[in-house]
Amino acid sequence: LYVRPKSKLEEGDFVQLAKAVDSHIEERGSLAGLIIEVTSFPGWES
């Protein structure tokens, strides 16, 4: 899973990430890796 925060993190971001990976994890048992590309931590919207 490759992730790149573009602006303040939103609650829906993590719902979407879970939807994207949960079925894959269920199929494969795990993710081999997570790569986070970030220039600075943008903080949270709420």
All heavy atoms as atom14 arrays in JSON, in Angstrom:
{
  "sequence": "LYVRPKSKLEEGDFVQLAKAVDSHIEERGSLAGLIIEVTSFPGWES",
  "atom14_mask": [
    [1, 1, 1, 1, 1, 1, 1, 1, 0, 0, 0, 0, 0, 0],
    [1, 1, 1, 1, 1, 1, 1, 1, 1, 1, 1, 1, 0, 0],
    [1, 1, 1, 1, 1, 1, 1, 0, 0, 0, 0, 0, 0, 0],
    [1, 1, 1, 1, 1, 1, 1, 1, 1, 1, 1, 0, 0, 0],
    [1, 1, 1, 1, 1, 1, 1, 0, 0, 0, 0, 0, 0, 0],
    [1, 1, 1, 1, 1, 1, 1, 1, 1, 0, 0, 0, 0, 0],
    [1, 1, 1, 1, 1, 1, 0, 0, 0, 0, 0, 0, 0, 0],
    [1, 1, 1, 1, 1, 1, 1, 1, 1, 0, 0, 0, 0, 0],
    [1, 1, 1, 1, 1, 1, 1, 1, 0, 0, 0, 0, 0, 0],
    [1, 1, 1, 1, 1, 1, 1, 1, 1, 0, 0, 0, 0, 0],
    [1, 1, 1, 1, 1, 1, 1, 1, 1, 0, 0, 0, 0, 0],
    [1, 1, 1, 1, 0, 0, 0, 0, 0, 0, 0, 0, 0, 0],
    [1, 1, 1, 1, 1, 1, 1, 1, 0, 0, 0, 0, 0, 0],
    [1, 1, 1, 1, 1, 1, 1, 1, 1, 1, 1, 0, 0, 0],
    [1, 1, 1, 1, 1, 1, 1, 0, 0, 0, 0, 0, 0, 0],
    [1, 1, 1, 1, 1, 1, 1, 1, 1, 0, 0, 0, 0, 0],
    [1, 1, 1, 1, 1, 1, 1, 1, 0, 0, 0, 0, 0, 0],
    [1, 1, 1, 1, 1, 0, 0, 0, 0, 0, 0, 0, 0, 0],
    [1, 1, 1, 1, 1, 1, 1, 1, 1, 0, 0, 0, 0, 0],
    [1, 1, 1, 1, 1, 0, 0, 0, 0, 0, 0, 0, 0, 0],
    [1, 1, 1, 1, 1, 1, 1, 0, 0, 0, 0, 0, 0, 0],
    [1, 1, 1, 1, 1, 1, 1, 1, 0, 0, 0, 0, 0, 0],
    [1, 1, 1, 1, 1, 1, 0, 0, 0, 0, 0, 0, 0, 0],
    [1, 1, 1, 1, 1, 1, 1, 1, 1, 1, 0, 0, 0, 0],
    [1, 1, 1, 1, 1, 1, 1, 1, 0, 0, 0, 0, 0, 0],
    [1, 1, 1, 1, 1, 1, 1, 1, 1, 0, 0, 0, 0, 0],
    [1, 1, 1, 1, 1, 1, 1, 1, 1, 0, 0, 0, 0, 0],
    [1, 1, 1, 1, 1, 1, 1, 1, 1, 1, 1, 0, 0, 0],
    [1, 1, 1, 1, 0, 0, 0, 0, 0, 0, 0, 0, 0, 0],
    [1, 1, 1, 1, 1, 1, 0, 0, 0, 0, 0, 0, 0, 0],
    [1, 1, 1, 1, 1, 1, 1, 1, 0, 0, 0, 0, 0, 0],
    [1, 1, 1, 1, 1, 0, 0, 0, 0, 0, 0, 0, 0, 0],
    [1, 1, 1, 1, 0, 0, 0, 0, 0, 0, 0, 0, 0, 0],
    [1, 1, 1, 1, 1, 1, 1, 1, 0, 0, 0, 0, 0, 0],
    [1, 1, 1, 1, 1, 1, 1, 1, 0, 0, 0, 0, 0, 0],
    [1, 1, 1, 1, 1, 1, 1, 1, 0, 0, 0, 0, 0, 0],
    [1, 1, 1, 1, 1, 1, 1, 1, 1, 0, 0, 0, 0, 0],
    [1, 1, 1, 1, 1, 1, 1, 0, 0, 0, 0, 0, 0, 0],
    [1, 1, 1, 1, 1, 1, 1, 0, 0, 0, 0, 0, 0, 0],
    [1, 1, 1, 1, 1, 1, 0, 0, 0, 0, 0, 0, 0, 0],
    [1, 1, 1, 1, 1, 1, 1, 1, 1, 1, 1, 0, 0, 0],
    [1, 1, 1, 1, 1, 1, 1, 0, 0, 0, 0, 0, 0, 0],
    [1, 1, 1, 1, 0, 0, 0, 0, 0, 0, 0, 0, 0, 0],
    [1, 1, 1, 1, 1, 1, 1, 1, 1, 1, 1, 1, 1, 1],
    [1, 1, 1, 1, 1, 1, 1, 1, 1, 0, 0, 0, 0, 0],
    [1, 1, 1, 1, 1, 1, 0, 0, 0, 0, 0, 0, 0, 0]
  ],
  "atom14_positions": [
    [[0.85, -1.18, 0.0], [0.0, 0.0, 0.0], [0.89, 1.23, 0.0], [1.75, 1.39, 0.87], [-0.91, 0.01, 1.24], [-1.81, 1.23, 1.42], [-2.82, 1.33, 0.28], [-2.52, 1.17, 2.77], [0.0, 0.0, 0.0], [0.0, 0.0, 0.0], [0.0, 0.0, 0.0], [0.0, 0.0, 0.0], [0.0, 0.0, 0.0], [0.0, 0.0, 0.0]],
    [[0.71, 2.09, -0.99], [1.44, 3.36, -1.08], [0.48, 4.47, -0.67], [-0.64, 4.55, -1.19], [1.89, 3.62, -2.52], [2.88, 2.62, -3.04], [2.45, 1.44, -3.65], [4.24, 2.85, -2.93], [3.36, 0.51, -4.14], [5.16, 1.93, -3.42], [4.71, 0.76, -4.01], [5.62, -0.15, -4.48], [0.0, 0.0, 0.0], [0.0, 0.0, 0.0]],
    [[0.88, 5.31, 0.27], [0.04, 6.43, 0.69], [0.84, 7.73, 0.62], [2.04, 7.75, 0.85], [-0.56, 6.24, 2.1], [-1.45, 5.03, 2.16], [0.5, 6.16, 3.16], [0.0, 0.0, 0.0], [0.0, 0.0, 0.0], [0.0, 0.0, 0.0], [0.0, 0.0, 0.0], [0.0, 0.0, 0.0], [0.0, 0.0, 0.0], [0.0, 0.0, 0.0]],
    [[0.11, 8.8, 0.28], [0.73, 10.13, 0.2], [-0.26, 11.15, 0.74], [-1.23, 11.49, 0.08], [1.08, 10.47, -1.24], [1.69, 11.86, -1.39], [1.94, 12.25, -2.81], [2.86, 11.31, -3.43], [2.92, 11.1, -4.74], [2.13, 11.75, -5.56], [3.78, 10.25, -5.23], [0.0, 0.0, 0.0], [0.0, 0.0, 0.0], [0.0, 0.0, 0.0]],
    [[-0.04, 11.62, 1.98], [-0.89, 12.68, 2.51], [-0.69, 13.95, 1.68], [0.43, 14.37, 1.42], [-0.39, 12.89, 3.94], [0.37, 11.65, 4.27], [0.94, 11.17, 2.97], [0.0, 0.0, 0.0], [0.0, 0.0, 0.0], [0.0, 0.0, 0.0], [0.0, 0.0, 0.0], [0.0, 0.0, 0.0], [0.0, 0.0, 0.0], [0.0, 0.0, 0.0]],
    [[-1.8, 14.55, 1.24], [-1.73, 15.75, 0.42], [-2.14, 17.0, 1.19], [-1.77, 18.1, 0.83], [-2.63, 15.6, -0.81], [-2.24, 14.44, -1.71], [-0.86, 14.56, -2.25], [-0.82, 15.45, -3.46], [0.47, 15.63, -4.05], [0.0, 0.0, 0.0], [0.0, 0.0, 0.0], [0.0, 0.0, 0.0], [0.0, 0.0, 0.0], [0.0, 0.0, 0.0]],
    [[-2.95, 16.82, 2.23], [-3.4, 17.93, 3.07], [-3.85, 17.34, 4.4], [-3.67, 16.15, 4.63], [-4.55, 18.69, 2.39], [-5.65, 17.83, 2.17], [0.0, 0.0, 0.0], [0.0, 0.0, 0.0], [0.0, 0.0, 0.0], [0.0, 0.0, 0.0], [0.0, 0.0, 0.0], [0.0, 0.0, 0.0], [0.0, 0.0, 0.0], [0.0, 0.0, 0.0]],
    [[-4.43, 18.15, 5.26], [-4.84, 17.65, 6.57], [-5.63, 16.35, 6.42], [-6.46, 16.22, 5.52], [-5.68, 18.68, 7.3], [-4.85, 19.85, 7.79], [-5.66, 20.75, 8.69], [-4.79, 21.91, 9.11], [-4.44, 21.87, 10.49], [0.0, 0.0, 0.0], [0.0, 0.0, 0.0], [0.0, 0.0, 0.0], [0.0, 0.0, 0.0], [0.0, 0.0, 0.0]],
    [[-5.33, 15.4, 7.3], [-5.96, 14.09, 7.23], [-7.41, 14.2, 7.66], [-7.74, 14.85, 8.65], [-5.2, 13.11, 8.12], [-3.69, 13.01, 7.85], [-3.05, 12.03, 8.8], [-3.42, 12.64, 6.41], [0.0, 0.0, 0.0], [0.0, 0.0, 0.0], [0.0, 0.0, 0.0], [0.0, 0.0, 0.0], [0.0, 0.0, 0.0], [0.0, 0.0, 0.0]],
    [[-8.29, 13.55, 6.89], [-9.72, 13.59, 7.15], [-10.2, 12.22, 7.63], [-9.61, 11.19, 7.29], [-10.47, 13.97, 5.86], [-10.04, 15.31, 5.29], [-10.62, 15.57, 3.9], [-11.55, 14.85, 3.49], [-10.12, 16.49, 3.25], [0.0, 0.0, 0.0], [0.0, 0.0, 0.0], [0.0, 0.0, 0.0], [0.0, 0.0, 0.0], [0.0, 0.0, 0.0]],
    [[-11.28, 12.18, 8.39], [-11.81, 10.93, 8.91], [-12.13, 9.96, 7.77], [-11.82, 8.77, 7.85], [-13.07, 11.2, 9.75], [-13.54, 10.0, 10.5], [-14.63, 10.34, 11.5], [-15.03, 11.51, 11.61], [-15.08, 9.41, 12.18], [0.0, 0.0, 0.0], [0.0, 0.0, 0.0], [0.0, 0.0, 0.0], [0.0, 0.0, 0.0], [0.0, 0.0, 0.0]],
    [[-12.69, 10.45, 6.7], [-13.03, 9.61, 5.55], [-11.83, 8.98, 4.88], [-11.96, 7.93, 4.23], [0.0, 0.0, 0.0], [0.0, 0.0, 0.0], [0.0, 0.0, 0.0], [0.0, 0.0, 0.0], [0.0, 0.0, 0.0], [0.0, 0.0, 0.0], [0.0, 0.0, 0.0], [0.0, 0.0, 0.0], [0.0, 0.0, 0.0], [0.0, 0.0, 0.0]],
    [[-10.66, 9.59, 5.01], [-9.45, 9.03, 4.42], [-9.21, 7.61, 4.93], [-8.85, 6.71, 4.17], [-8.21, 9.87, 4.75], [-8.21, 11.23, 4.08], [-8.89, 11.4, 3.04], [-7.53, 12.13, 4.6], [0.0, 0.0, 0.0], [0.0, 0.0, 0.0], [0.0, 0.0, 0.0], [0.0, 0.0, 0.0], [0.0, 0.0, 0.0], [0.0, 0.0, 0.0]],
    [[-9.42, 7.42, 6.21], [-9.1, 6.14, 6.82], [-10.19, 5.11, 6.56], [-9.91, 3.92, 6.47], [-8.8, 6.33, 8.31], [-7.64, 7.28, 8.48], [-7.85, 8.6, 8.8], [-6.35, 6.85, 8.22], [-6.78, 9.48, 8.9], [-5.28, 7.72, 8.31], [-5.49, 9.04, 8.65], [0.0, 0.0, 0.0], [0.0, 0.0, 0.0], [0.0, 0.0, 0.0]],
    [[-11.42, 5.57, 6.36], [-12.5, 4.68, 5.94], [-12.17, 4.15, 4.54], [-12.29, 2.96, 4.27], [-13.85, 5.42, 5.96], [-14.95, 4.58, 5.34], [-14.22, 5.84, 7.38], [0.0, 0.0, 0.0], [0.0, 0.0, 0.0], [0.0, 0.0, 0.0], [0.0, 0.0, 0.0], [0.0, 0.0, 0.0], [0.0, 0.0, 0.0], [0.0, 0.0, 0.0]],
    [[-11.73, 5.04, 3.65], [-11.38, 4.64, 2.29], [-10.17, 3.7, 2.27], [-10.15, 2.72, 1.52], [-11.09, 5.88, 1.42], [-12.32, 6.72, 1.14], [-13.4, 5.94, 0.41], [-13.13, 5.2, -0.52], [-14.63, 6.11, 0.85], [0.0, 0.0, 0.0], [0.0, 0.0, 0.0], [0.0, 0.0, 0.0], [0.0, 0.0, 0.0], [0.0, 0.0, 0.0]],
    [[-9.15, 4.0, 3.09], [-7.99, 3.11, 3.15], [-8.4, 1.72, 3.62], [-7.95, 0.71, 3.07], [-6.93, 3.68, 4.09], [-6.06, 4.8, 3.57], [-5.12, 5.3, 4.67], [-5.26, 4.36, 2.36], [0.0, 0.0, 0.0], [0.0, 0.0, 0.0], [0.0, 0.0, 0.0], [0.0, 0.0, 0.0], [0.0, 0.0, 0.0], [0.0, 0.0, 0.0]],
    [[-9.25, 1.66, 4.64], [-9.71, 0.36, 5.15], [-10.46, -0.4, 4.06], [-10.23, -1.6, 3.86], [-10.57, 0.55, 6.38], [0.0, 0.0, 0.0], [0.0, 0.0, 0.0], [0.0, 0.0, 0.0], [0.0, 0.0, 0.0], [0.0, 0.0, 0.0], [0.0, 0.0, 0.0], [0.0, 0.0, 0.0], [0.0, 0.0, 0.0], [0.0, 0.0, 0.0]],
    [[-11.34, 0.28, 3.33], [-12.08, -0.37, 2.24], [-11.12, -0.9, 1.18], [-11.34, -1.95, 0.61], [-13.05, 0.61, 1.6], [-14.3, 0.86, 2.4], [-15.21, 1.83, 1.65], [-16.43, 2.17, 2.47], [-17.31, 3.13, 1.79], [0.0, 0.0, 0.0], [0.0, 0.0, 0.0], [0.0, 0.0, 0.0], [0.0, 0.0, 0.0], [0.0, 0.0, 0.0]],
    [[-10.06, -0.15, 0.93], [-9.1, -0.53, -0.11], [-8.28, -1.75, 0.28], [-7.93, -2.56, -0.57], [-8.17, 0.64, -0.43], [0.0, 0.0, 0.0], [0.0, 0.0, 0.0], [0.0, 0.0, 0.0], [0.0, 0.0, 0.0], [0.0, 0.0, 0.0], [0.0, 0.0, 0.0], [0.0, 0.0, 0.0], [0.0, 0.0, 0.0], [0.0, 0.0, 0.0]],
    [[-7.97, -1.89, 1.56], [-7.04, -2.96, 1.96], [-7.67, -4.14, 2.68], [-7.09, -5.23, 2.68], [-5.87, -2.43, 2.82], [-5.09, -1.37, 2.09], [-6.35, -1.92, 4.16], [0.0, 0.0, 0.0], [0.0, 0.0, 0.0], [0.0, 0.0, 0.0], [0.0, 0.0, 0.0], [0.0, 0.0, 0.0], [0.0, 0.0, 0.0], [0.0, 0.0, 0.0]],
    [[-8.83, -3.97, 3.3], [-9.39, -5.05, 4.12], [-9.63, -6.35, 3.35], [-9.28, -7.43, 3.82], [-10.65, -4.6, 4.84], [-10.37, -3.68, 6.01], [-9.17, -3.52, 6.38], [-11.32, -3.11, 6.56], [0.0, 0.0, 0.0], [0.0, 0.0, 0.0], [0.0, 0.0, 0.0], [0.0, 0.0, 0.0], [0.0, 0.0, 0.0], [0.0, 0.0, 0.0]],
    [[-10.23, -6.26, 2.17], [-10.48, -7.5, 1.41], [-9.16, -8.12, 0.95], [-9.02, -9.35, 0.91], [-11.41, -7.24, 0.22], [-10.83, -6.31, -0.67], [0.0, 0.0, 0.0], [0.0, 0.0, 0.0], [0.0, 0.0, 0.0], [0.0, 0.0, 0.0], [0.0, 0.0, 0.0], [0.0, 0.0, 0.0], [0.0, 0.0, 0.0], [0.0, 0.0, 0.0]],
    [[-8.19, -7.28, 0.61], [-6.87, -7.8, 0.21], [-6.2, -8.51, 1.38], [-5.65, -9.6, 1.21], [-5.99, -6.65, -0.3], [-4.64, -7.09, -0.74], [-4.42, -7.7, -1.96], [-3.44, -7.05, -0.11], [-3.13, -8.0, -2.06], [-2.52, -7.61, -0.95], [0.0, 0.0, 0.0], [0.0, 0.0, 0.0], [0.0, 0.0, 0.0], [0.0, 0.0, 0.0]],
    [[-6.26, -7.92, 2.56], [-5.68, -8.55, 3.75], [-6.41, -9.84, 4.06], [-5.78, -10.85, 4.41], [-5.71, -7.57, 4.95], [-4.71, -6.44, 4.73], [-5.42, -8.31, 6.25], [-4.78, -5.33, 5.76], [0.0, 0.0, 0.0], [0.0, 0.0, 0.0], [0.0, 0.0, 0.0], [0.0, 0.0, 0.0], [0.0, 0.0, 0.0], [0.0, 0.0, 0.0]],
    [[-7.71, -9.85, 3.92], [-8.49, -11.07, 4.17], [-8.06, -12.19, 3.21], [-7.92, -13.34, 3.61], [-9.98, -10.78, 4.02], [-10.87, -11.89, 4.51], [-12.32, -11.49, 4.52], [-12.63, -10.42, 5.07], [-13.14, -12.25, 3.98], [0.0, 0.0, 0.0], [0.0, 0.0, 0.0], [0.0, 0.0, 0.0], [0.0, 0.0, 0.0], [0.0, 0.0, 0.0]],
    [[-7.84, -11.83, 1.95], [-7.39, -12.79, 0.94], [-5.97, -13.29, 1.2], [-5.7, -14.48, 1.14], [-7.37, -12.11, -0.43], [-8.44, -12.52, -1.37], [-8.31, -11.75, -2.67], [-7.2, -11.68, -3.25], [-9.34, -11.2, -3.1], [0.0, 0.0, 0.0], [0.0, 0.0, 0.0], [0.0, 0.0, 0.0], [0.0, 0.0, 0.0], [0.0, 0.0, 0.0]],
    [[-5.05, -12.36, 1.45], [-3.63, -12.68, 1.55], [-3.12, -12.87, 2.98], [-2.0, -13.34, 3.18], [-2.79, -11.56, 0.91], [-3.12, -11.23, -0.54], [-2.45, -12.11, -1.56], [-1.02, -12.0, -1.64], [-0.35, -11.28, -2.51], [-0.99, -10.54, -3.38], [0.96, -11.29, -2.51], [0.0, 0.0, 0.0], [0.0, 0.0, 0.0], [0.0, 0.0, 0.0]],
    [[-3.89, -12.45, 3.98], [-3.46, -12.58, 5.36], [-2.71, -11.38, 5.91], [-2.63, -11.2, 7.11], [0.0, 0.0, 0.0], [0.0, 0.0, 0.0], [0.0, 0.0, 0.0], [0.0, 0.0, 0.0], [0.0, 0.0, 0.0], [0.0, 0.0, 0.0], [0.0, 0.0, 0.0], [0.0, 0.0, 0.0], [0.0, 0.0, 0.0], [0.0, 0.0, 0.0]],
    [[-2.15, -10.57, 5.02], [-1.4, -9.39, 5.45], [-1.03, -8.55, 4.24], [-1.24, -8.97, 3.11], [-0.13, -9.79, 6.21], [0.77, -10.44, 5.33], [0.0, 0.0, 0.0], [0.0, 0.0, 0.0], [0.0, 0.0, 0.0], [0.0, 0.0, 0.0], [0.0, 0.0, 0.0], [0.0, 0.0, 0.0], [0.0, 0.0, 0.0], [0.0, 0.0, 0.0]],
    [[-0.46, -7.39, 4.52], [0.19, -6.58, 3.48], [1.69, -6.8, 3.63], [2.21, -6.83, 4.75], [-0.1, -5.09, 3.68], [-1.46, -4.57, 3.26], [-1.61, -3.11, 3.7], [-1.66, -4.67, 1.78], [0.0, 0.0, 0.0], [0.0, 0.0, 0.0], [0.0, 0.0, 0.0], [0.0, 0.0, 0.0], [0.0, 0.0, 0.0], [0.0, 0.0, 0.0]],
    [[2.37, -6.94, 2.53], [3.83, -7.08, 2.58], [4.46, -5.76, 3.03], [5.5, -5.76, 3.68], [4.39, -7.5, 1.23], [0.0, 0.0, 0.0], [0.0, 0.0, 0.0], [0.0, 0.0, 0.0], [0.0, 0.0, 0.0], [0.0, 0.0, 0.0], [0.0, 0.0, 0.0], [0.0, 0.0, 0.0], [0.0, 0.0, 0.0], [0.0, 0.0, 0.0]],
    [[3.82, -4.65, 2.69], [4.41, -3.37, 3.06], [3.47, -2.2, 2.93], [2.46, -2.26, 2.25], [0.0, 0.0, 0.0], [0.0, 0.0, 0.0], [0.0, 0.0, 0.0], [0.0, 0.0, 0.0], [0.0, 0.0, 0.0], [0.0, 0.0, 0.0], [0.0, 0.0, 0.0], [0.0, 0.0, 0.0], [0.0, 0.0, 0.0], [0.0, 0.0, 0.0]],
    [[3.85, -1.15, 3.62], [3.2, 0.15, 3.56], [4.3, 1.16, 3.32], [5.28, 1.21, 4.06], [2.49, 0.46, 4.88], [2.01, 1.9, 5.1], [0.94, 2.28, 4.08], [1.49, 2.07, 6.52], [0.0, 0.0, 0.0], [0.0, 0.0, 0.0], [0.0, 0.0, 0.0], [0.0, 0.0, 0.0], [0.0, 0.0, 0.0], [0.0, 0.0, 0.0]],
    [[4.15, 1.95, 2.27], [5.13, 3.0, 1.97], [4.4, 4.33, 2.07], [3.4, 4.57, 1.4], [5.77, 2.81, 0.59], [6.55, 1.5, 0.57], [6.67, 4.0, 0.26], [7.19, 1.16, -0.74], [0.0, 0.0, 0.0], [0.0, 0.0, 0.0], [0.0, 0.0, 0.0], [0.0, 0.0, 0.0], [0.0, 0.0, 0.0], [0.0, 0.0, 0.0]],
    [[4.91, 5.18, 2.96], [4.33, 6.5, 3.19], [5.27, 7.53, 2.59], [6.43, 7.63, 2.99], [4.15, 6.77, 4.69], [3.31, 5.67, 5.34], [3.55, 8.15, 4.93], [3.38, 5.65, 6.84], [0.0, 0.0, 0.0], [0.0, 0.0, 0.0], [0.0, 0.0, 0.0], [0.0, 0.0, 0.0], [0.0, 0.0, 0.0], [0.0, 0.0, 0.0]],
    [[4.78, 8.28, 1.62], [5.57, 9.36, 1.02], [5.04, 10.68, 1.56], [3.87, 11.02, 1.36], [5.45, 9.34, -0.5], [6.29, 10.37, -1.17], [6.16, 10.35, -2.67], [5.77, 9.32, -3.24], [6.45, 11.4, -3.28], [0.0, 0.0, 0.0], [0.0, 0.0, 0.0], [0.0, 0.0, 0.0], [0.0, 0.0, 0.0], [0.0, 0.0, 0.0]],
    [[5.9, 11.4, 2.29], [5.43, 12.6, 2.97], [6.55, 13.64, 3.03], [7.71, 13.29, 3.22], [4.92, 12.24, 4.39], [6.01, 11.69, 5.25], [4.25, 13.4, 5.06], [0.0, 0.0, 0.0], [0.0, 0.0, 0.0], [0.0, 0.0, 0.0], [0.0, 0.0, 0.0], [0.0, 0.0, 0.0], [0.0, 0.0, 0.0], [0.0, 0.0, 0.0]],
    [[6.19, 14.9, 2.84], [7.18, 15.97, 3.0], [7.13, 16.52, 4.41], [8.14, 16.96, 4.95], [6.96, 17.11, 1.99], [5.63, 17.58, 2.11], [7.2, 16.62, 0.57], [0.0, 0.0, 0.0], [0.0, 0.0, 0.0], [0.0, 0.0, 0.0], [0.0, 0.0, 0.0], [0.0, 0.0, 0.0], [0.0, 0.0, 0.0], [0.0, 0.0, 0.0]],
    [[5.95, 16.52, 5.01], [5.79, 16.92, 6.41], [4.46, 16.37, 6.89], [3.56, 16.1, 6.09], [5.83, 18.44, 6.57], [4.72, 19.03, 5.93], [0.0, 0.0, 0.0], [0.0, 0.0, 0.0], [0.0, 0.0, 0.0], [0.0, 0.0, 0.0], [0.0, 0.0, 0.0], [0.0, 0.0, 0.0], [0.0, 0.0, 0.0], [0.0, 0.0, 0.0]],
    [[4.33, 16.2, 8.19], [3.07, 15.69, 8.72], [2.04, 16.81, 8.65], [2.2, 17.86, 9.28], [3.25, 15.2, 10.16], [1.98, 14.63, 10.75], [1.47, 13.44, 10.26], [1.31, 15.3, 11.74], [0.28, 12.92, 10.77], [0.13, 14.79, 12.28], [-0.38, 13.59, 11.79], [0.0, 0.0, 0.0], [0.0, 0.0, 0.0], [0.0, 0.0, 0.0]],
    [[0.93, 16.61, 7.89], [-0.02, 17.7, 7.68], [-1.0, 17.93, 8.83], [-1.73, 18.91, 8.82], [-0.78, 17.24, 6.43], [-0.73, 15.76, 6.49], [0.6, 15.41, 7.11], [0.0, 0.0, 0.0], [0.0, 0.0, 0.0], [0.0, 0.0, 0.0], [0.0, 0.0, 0.0], [0.0, 0.0, 0.0], [0.0, 0.0, 0.0], [0.0, 0.0, 0.0]],
    [[-1.05, 17.04, 9.8], [-2.01, 17.16, 10.89], [-3.35, 16.58, 10.51], [-3.52, 15.99, 9.45], [0.0, 0.0, 0.0], [0.0, 0.0, 0.0], [0.0, 0.0, 0.0], [0.0, 0.0, 0.0], [0.0, 0.0, 0.0], [0.0, 0.0, 0.0], [0.0, 0.0, 0.0], [0.0, 0.0, 0.0], [0.0, 0.0, 0.0], [0.0, 0.0, 0.0]],
    [[-4.32, 16.75, 11.41], [-5.66, 16.22, 11.2], [-6.64, 17.36, 11.03], [-6.51, 18.41, 11.64], [-6.09, 15.36, 12.39], [-5.21, 14.18, 12.63], [-5.26, 12.99, 11.97], [-4.16, 14.06, 13.58], [-4.29, 12.14, 12.48], [-3.61, 12.77, 13.47], [-3.62, 14.92, 14.56], [-2.56, 12.32, 14.26], [-2.58, 14.48, 15.34], [-2.06, 13.18, 15.19]],
    [[-7.68, 17.12, 10.26], [-8.71, 18.13, 10.04], [-9.59, 18.31, 11.28], [-10.1, 19.39, 11.54], [-9.57, 17.71, 8.85], [-10.62, 18.72, 8.49], [-11.42, 18.29, 7.28], [-12.25, 17.36, 7.41], [-11.19, 18.89, 6.22], [0.0, 0.0, 0.0], [0.0, 0.0, 0.0], [0.0, 0.0, 0.0], [0.0, 0.0, 0.0], [0.0, 0.0, 0.0]],
    [[-9.74, 17.22, 12.06], [-10.63, 17.27, 13.22], [-10.23, 16.19, 14.22], [-9.42, 15.31, 13.92], [-12.07, 17.04, 12.78], [-12.21, 15.72, 12.27], [0.0, 0.0, 0.0], [0.0, 0.0, 0.0], [0.0, 0.0, 0.0], [0.0, 0.0, 0.0], [0.0, 0.0, 0.0], [0.0, 0.0, 0.0], [0.0, 0.0, 0.0], [0.0, 0.0, 0.0]]
  ]
}
